[in-house]
Amino acid sequence: MFTIKQQKPEELPGLDDAITSAIESLKDHDPYSPEYVKAVEQIEKLYKLKAPQPELRKPVSYDALIAAGANLAGIIAVLGYERAHVITSKALGFIVKTRL
């Protein structure tokens, strides 16, 4: 009935090529050099672009809030009625049974 559609992240053309070329450029630098650090930071940024973006939450509609409020009001009304009138209805039943 209801299905959730998984949206694939949009593939940026050349993103994989940019990542592989950045990784290959690491071989040319000393691991403690500033160029190596900059290349690693660029690789991290490229991988963040490749990761799927989380979907934003949709706000709750007013119709849903009104329906929930109406349901709660109905439950409170039924509980209030039962609390006020249950003892009276049972008491009247006992009076009818005890007559001789």
N, C-alpha and C. Protein backbone atom coordinates (compact mmCIF):
# COMPACT_ATOMS: atom_id res chain seq x y z
N MET A 1 0.82 -1.18 0.00
CA MET A 1 0.00 0.00 0.00
C MET A 1 0.87 1.25 0.00
N PHE A 2 1.64 1.41 1.07
CA PHE A 2 2.55 2.55 1.13
C PHE A 2 3.97 2.03 0.96
N THR A 3 4.71 2.64 0.09
CA THR A 3 6.09 2.24 -0.12
C THR A 3 6.99 3.45 0.02
N ILE A 4 8.15 3.21 0.53
CA ILE A 4 9.13 4.27 0.67
C ILE A 4 10.07 4.16 -0.51
N LYS A 5 10.19 5.22 -1.25
CA LYS A 5 11.06 5.21 -2.41
C LYS A 5 12.45 5.65 -1.99
N GLN A 6 13.40 4.79 -2.24
CA GLN A 6 14.79 5.13 -1.95
C GLN A 6 15.34 5.94 -3.11
N GLN A 7 15.78 7.11 -2.82
CA GLN A 7 16.35 7.95 -3.86
C GLN A 7 17.86 7.77 -3.86
N LYS A 8 18.38 7.45 -5.04
CA LYS A 8 19.82 7.30 -5.16
C LYS A 8 20.45 8.68 -5.25
N PRO A 9 21.60 8.85 -4.60
CA PRO A 9 22.25 10.16 -4.70
C PRO A 9 22.69 10.40 -6.13
N GLU A 10 22.61 11.63 -6.51
CA GLU A 10 23.01 11.98 -7.87
C GLU A 10 24.51 11.80 -8.00
N GLU A 11 24.89 11.06 -9.01
CA GLU A 11 26.30 10.84 -9.25
C GLU A 11 26.88 12.06 -9.97
N LEU A 12 27.93 12.59 -9.44
CA LEU A 12 28.61 13.71 -10.09
C LEU A 12 29.60 13.13 -11.09
N PRO A 13 29.56 13.58 -12.32
CA PRO A 13 30.46 13.01 -13.32
C PRO A 13 31.92 13.32 -12.97
N GLY A 14 32.75 12.31 -13.03
CA GLY A 14 34.16 12.50 -12.77
C GLY A 14 34.56 12.48 -11.32
N LEU A 15 33.62 12.21 -10.42
CA LEU A 15 33.93 12.23 -8.99
C LEU A 15 34.86 11.08 -8.63
N ASP A 16 34.56 9.89 -9.16
CA ASP A 16 35.43 8.74 -8.89
C ASP A 16 36.83 8.96 -9.47
N ASP A 17 36.89 9.57 -10.65
CA ASP A 17 38.20 9.85 -11.25
C ASP A 17 38.99 10.84 -10.41
N ALA A 18 38.32 11.83 -9.85
CA ALA A 18 38.99 12.82 -9.01
C ALA A 18 39.52 12.17 -7.73
N ILE A 19 38.74 11.24 -7.18
CA ILE A 19 39.18 10.55 -5.95
C ILE A 19 40.40 9.69 -6.24
N THR A 20 40.36 8.92 -7.33
CA THR A 20 41.49 8.06 -7.65
C THR A 20 42.74 8.87 -7.98
N SER A 21 42.57 9.97 -8.67
CA SER A 21 43.76 10.78 -8.99
C SER A 21 44.33 11.43 -7.73
N ALA A 22 43.46 11.82 -6.78
CA ALA A 22 43.96 12.40 -5.52
C ALA A 22 44.68 11.35 -4.70
N ILE A 23 44.17 10.12 -4.72
CA ILE A 23 44.84 9.05 -3.97
C ILE A 23 46.19 8.72 -4.62
N GLU A 24 46.23 8.72 -5.94
CA GLU A 24 47.49 8.44 -6.63
C GLU A 24 48.52 9.54 -6.39
N SER A 25 48.05 10.77 -6.21
CA SER A 25 48.99 11.86 -5.96
C SER A 25 49.63 11.76 -4.58
N LEU A 26 49.01 10.98 -3.67
CA LEU A 26 49.60 10.81 -2.34
C LEU A 26 50.93 10.08 -2.42
N LYS A 27 51.09 9.25 -3.43
CA LYS A 27 52.34 8.48 -3.56
C LYS A 27 53.54 9.39 -3.81
N ASP A 28 53.31 10.53 -4.40
CA ASP A 28 54.40 11.44 -4.76
C ASP A 28 54.88 12.29 -3.60
N HIS A 29 54.12 12.34 -2.50
CA HIS A 29 54.46 13.25 -1.40
C HIS A 29 54.88 12.47 -0.16
N ASP A 30 55.65 13.14 0.65
CA ASP A 30 56.05 12.60 1.95
C ASP A 30 54.85 12.68 2.89
N PRO A 31 54.57 11.65 3.69
CA PRO A 31 53.39 11.67 4.57
C PRO A 31 53.36 12.82 5.57
N TYR A 32 54.49 13.45 5.84
CA TYR A 32 54.53 14.54 6.81
C TYR A 32 54.59 15.92 6.15
N SER A 33 54.45 15.96 4.85
CA SER A 33 54.54 17.24 4.15
C SER A 33 53.17 17.93 4.13
N PRO A 34 53.14 19.25 3.98
CA PRO A 34 51.87 19.98 3.92
C PRO A 34 51.05 19.62 2.68
N GLU A 35 51.71 19.25 1.59
CA GLU A 35 50.97 18.85 0.39
C GLU A 35 50.19 17.56 0.62
N TYR A 36 50.78 16.66 1.39
CA TYR A 36 50.12 15.40 1.71
C TYR A 36 48.87 15.66 2.55
N VAL A 37 48.99 16.53 3.52
CA VAL A 37 47.86 16.86 4.39
C VAL A 37 46.74 17.51 3.58
N LYS A 38 47.11 18.41 2.66
CA LYS A 38 46.09 19.06 1.82
C LYS A 38 45.40 18.05 0.91
N ALA A 39 46.17 17.09 0.39
CA ALA A 39 45.58 16.07 -0.47
C ALA A 39 44.62 15.18 0.30
N VAL A 40 44.98 14.84 1.52
CA VAL A 40 44.09 14.02 2.36
C VAL A 40 42.80 14.78 2.67
N GLU A 41 42.91 16.07 2.95
CA GLU A 41 41.71 16.88 3.20
C GLU A 41 40.82 16.94 1.96
N GLN A 42 41.42 17.04 0.80
CA GLN A 42 40.63 17.05 -0.44
C GLN A 42 39.94 15.71 -0.67
N ILE A 43 40.63 14.62 -0.34
CA ILE A 43 40.01 13.30 -0.49
C ILE A 43 38.82 13.16 0.45
N GLU A 44 38.95 13.66 1.68
CA GLU A 44 37.82 13.62 2.62
C GLU A 44 36.63 14.41 2.09
N LYS A 45 36.90 15.57 1.52
CA LYS A 45 35.82 16.38 0.95
C LYS A 45 35.15 15.67 -0.22
N LEU A 46 35.95 15.01 -1.05
CA LEU A 46 35.39 14.30 -2.20
C LEU A 46 34.52 13.12 -1.74
N TYR A 47 34.95 12.43 -0.71
CA TYR A 47 34.13 11.32 -0.20
C TYR A 47 32.84 11.82 0.43
N LYS A 48 32.87 13.00 1.05
CA LYS A 48 31.63 13.57 1.59
C LYS A 48 30.65 13.92 0.48
N LEU A 49 31.17 14.35 -0.66
CA LEU A 49 30.30 14.63 -1.81
C LEU A 49 29.68 13.35 -2.35
N LYS A 50 30.42 12.26 -2.25
CA LYS A 50 29.94 10.99 -2.79
C LYS A 50 28.90 10.34 -1.87
N ALA A 51 28.94 10.62 -0.58
CA ALA A 51 28.02 10.01 0.38
C ALA A 51 26.61 10.52 0.15
N PRO A 52 25.61 9.66 0.37
CA PRO A 52 24.23 10.12 0.19
C PRO A 52 23.84 11.14 1.25
N GLN A 53 23.06 12.12 0.84
CA GLN A 53 22.63 13.18 1.74
C GLN A 53 21.39 12.71 2.50
N PRO A 54 21.29 12.96 3.81
CA PRO A 54 20.10 12.58 4.55
C PRO A 54 18.89 13.42 4.12
N GLU A 55 17.73 12.78 4.14
CA GLU A 55 16.51 13.50 3.76
C GLU A 55 16.06 14.40 4.90
N LEU A 56 15.52 15.54 4.54
CA LEU A 56 15.00 16.46 5.55
C LEU A 56 13.66 15.97 6.04
N ARG A 57 13.38 16.17 7.30
CA ARG A 57 12.09 15.77 7.85
C ARG A 57 11.01 16.73 7.39
N LYS A 58 9.87 16.16 7.09
CA LYS A 58 8.75 17.00 6.69
C LYS A 58 8.02 17.47 7.95
N PRO A 59 7.54 18.70 7.96
CA PRO A 59 6.80 19.17 9.13
C PRO A 59 5.45 18.46 9.24
N VAL A 60 4.95 18.36 10.45
CA VAL A 60 3.67 17.71 10.68
C VAL A 60 2.56 18.60 10.14
N SER A 61 1.63 18.00 9.43
CA SER A 61 0.55 18.79 8.83
C SER A 61 -0.48 19.17 9.90
N TYR A 62 -1.20 20.23 9.63
CA TYR A 62 -2.22 20.68 10.57
C TYR A 62 -3.37 19.70 10.65
N ASP A 63 -3.67 19.00 9.57
CA ASP A 63 -4.74 18.01 9.60
C ASP A 63 -4.43 16.89 10.59
N ALA A 64 -3.19 16.45 10.62
CA ALA A 64 -2.79 15.40 11.55
C ALA A 64 -2.87 15.88 12.99
N LEU A 65 -2.47 17.13 13.23
CA LEU A 65 -2.55 17.69 14.59
C LEU A 65 -4.00 17.82 15.05
N ILE A 66 -4.87 18.24 14.15
CA ILE A 66 -6.28 18.38 14.50
C ILE A 66 -6.90 17.02 14.79
N ALA A 67 -6.56 16.02 13.98
CA ALA A 67 -7.10 14.67 14.20
C ALA A 67 -6.62 14.11 15.53
N ALA A 68 -5.33 14.29 15.86
CA ALA A 68 -4.81 13.80 17.13
C ALA A 68 -5.47 14.52 18.30
N GLY A 69 -5.65 15.83 18.19
CA GLY A 69 -6.32 16.58 19.26
C GLY A 69 -7.77 16.16 19.46
N ALA A 70 -8.48 15.91 18.35
CA ALA A 70 -9.87 15.46 18.45
C ALA A 70 -9.95 14.09 19.10
N ASN A 71 -9.03 13.19 18.75
CA ASN A 71 -9.02 11.87 19.38
C ASN A 71 -8.75 11.95 20.87
N LEU A 72 -7.78 12.79 21.25
CA LEU A 72 -7.50 12.95 22.68
C LEU A 72 -8.68 13.57 23.43
N ALA A 73 -9.34 14.54 22.82
CA ALA A 73 -10.51 15.16 23.46
C ALA A 73 -11.63 14.13 23.63
N GLY A 74 -11.83 13.27 22.65
CA GLY A 74 -12.84 12.22 22.76
C GLY A 74 -12.53 11.24 23.87
N ILE A 75 -11.25 10.85 23.99
CA ILE A 75 -10.86 9.92 25.05
C ILE A 75 -11.05 10.56 26.41
N ILE A 76 -10.67 11.82 26.55
CA ILE A 76 -10.84 12.51 27.83
C ILE A 76 -12.32 12.65 28.18
N ALA A 77 -13.16 12.93 27.20
CA ALA A 77 -14.60 13.05 27.45
C ALA A 77 -15.18 11.72 27.92
N VAL A 78 -14.79 10.61 27.29
CA VAL A 78 -15.30 9.29 27.69
C VAL A 78 -14.82 8.94 29.09
N LEU A 79 -13.55 9.20 29.38
CA LEU A 79 -13.03 8.90 30.72
C LEU A 79 -13.70 9.75 31.79
N GLY A 80 -13.93 11.02 31.50
CA GLY A 80 -14.62 11.88 32.45
C GLY A 80 -16.04 11.43 32.71
N TYR A 81 -16.74 11.00 31.66
CA TYR A 81 -18.11 10.53 31.82
C TYR A 81 -18.13 9.25 32.65
N GLU A 82 -17.22 8.33 32.35
CA GLU A 82 -17.19 7.09 33.10
C GLU A 82 -16.84 7.33 34.56
N ARG A 83 -15.94 8.25 34.81
CA ARG A 83 -15.55 8.54 36.19
C ARG A 83 -16.73 9.14 36.96
N ALA A 84 -17.52 9.98 36.34
CA ALA A 84 -18.60 10.66 37.04
C ALA A 84 -19.87 9.81 37.15
N HIS A 85 -20.14 8.94 36.18
CA HIS A 85 -21.43 8.28 36.13
C HIS A 85 -21.41 6.78 36.35
N VAL A 86 -20.28 6.16 36.51
CA VAL A 86 -20.26 4.71 36.72
C VAL A 86 -20.81 4.36 38.09
N ILE A 87 -20.42 5.10 39.11
CA ILE A 87 -20.89 4.81 40.47
C ILE A 87 -22.40 4.99 40.56
N THR A 88 -22.94 5.98 39.93
CA THR A 88 -24.37 6.22 39.97
C THR A 88 -25.13 5.08 39.31
N SER A 89 -24.70 4.61 38.18
CA SER A 89 -25.42 3.54 37.50
C SER A 89 -25.33 2.23 38.27
N LYS A 90 -24.21 1.93 38.93
CA LYS A 90 -24.10 0.72 39.72
C LYS A 90 -24.92 0.83 41.00
N ALA A 91 -24.94 2.02 41.58
CA ALA A 91 -25.71 2.21 42.81
C ALA A 91 -27.20 2.01 42.53
N LEU A 92 -27.70 2.48 41.42
CA LEU A 92 -29.10 2.27 41.08
C LEU A 92 -29.40 0.78 40.86
N GLY A 93 -28.46 0.06 40.33
CA GLY A 93 -28.64 -1.39 40.14
C GLY A 93 -28.71 -2.12 41.47
N PHE A 94 -27.93 -1.72 42.45
CA PHE A 94 -27.98 -2.37 43.76
C PHE A 94 -29.29 -2.07 44.48
N ILE A 95 -29.83 -0.87 44.32
CA ILE A 95 -31.07 -0.50 45.00
C ILE A 95 -32.23 -1.38 44.48
N VAL A 96 -32.27 -1.62 43.22
CA VAL A 96 -33.34 -2.43 42.64
C VAL A 96 -33.24 -3.86 43.13
N LYS A 97 -32.06 -4.41 43.33
CA LYS A 97 -31.88 -5.79 43.75
C LYS A 97 -32.21 -5.97 45.23
N THR A 98 -32.06 -4.98 46.07
CA THR A 98 -32.24 -5.16 47.53
C THR A 98 -33.67 -4.97 47.98
N ARG A 99 -34.61 -4.70 47.10
CA ARG A 99 -35.99 -4.52 47.55
C ARG A 99 -36.61 -5.86 47.91
N LEU A 100 -37.44 -5.87 48.96
CA LEU A 100 -38.14 -7.08 49.39
C LEU A 100 -39.60 -7.04 49.10
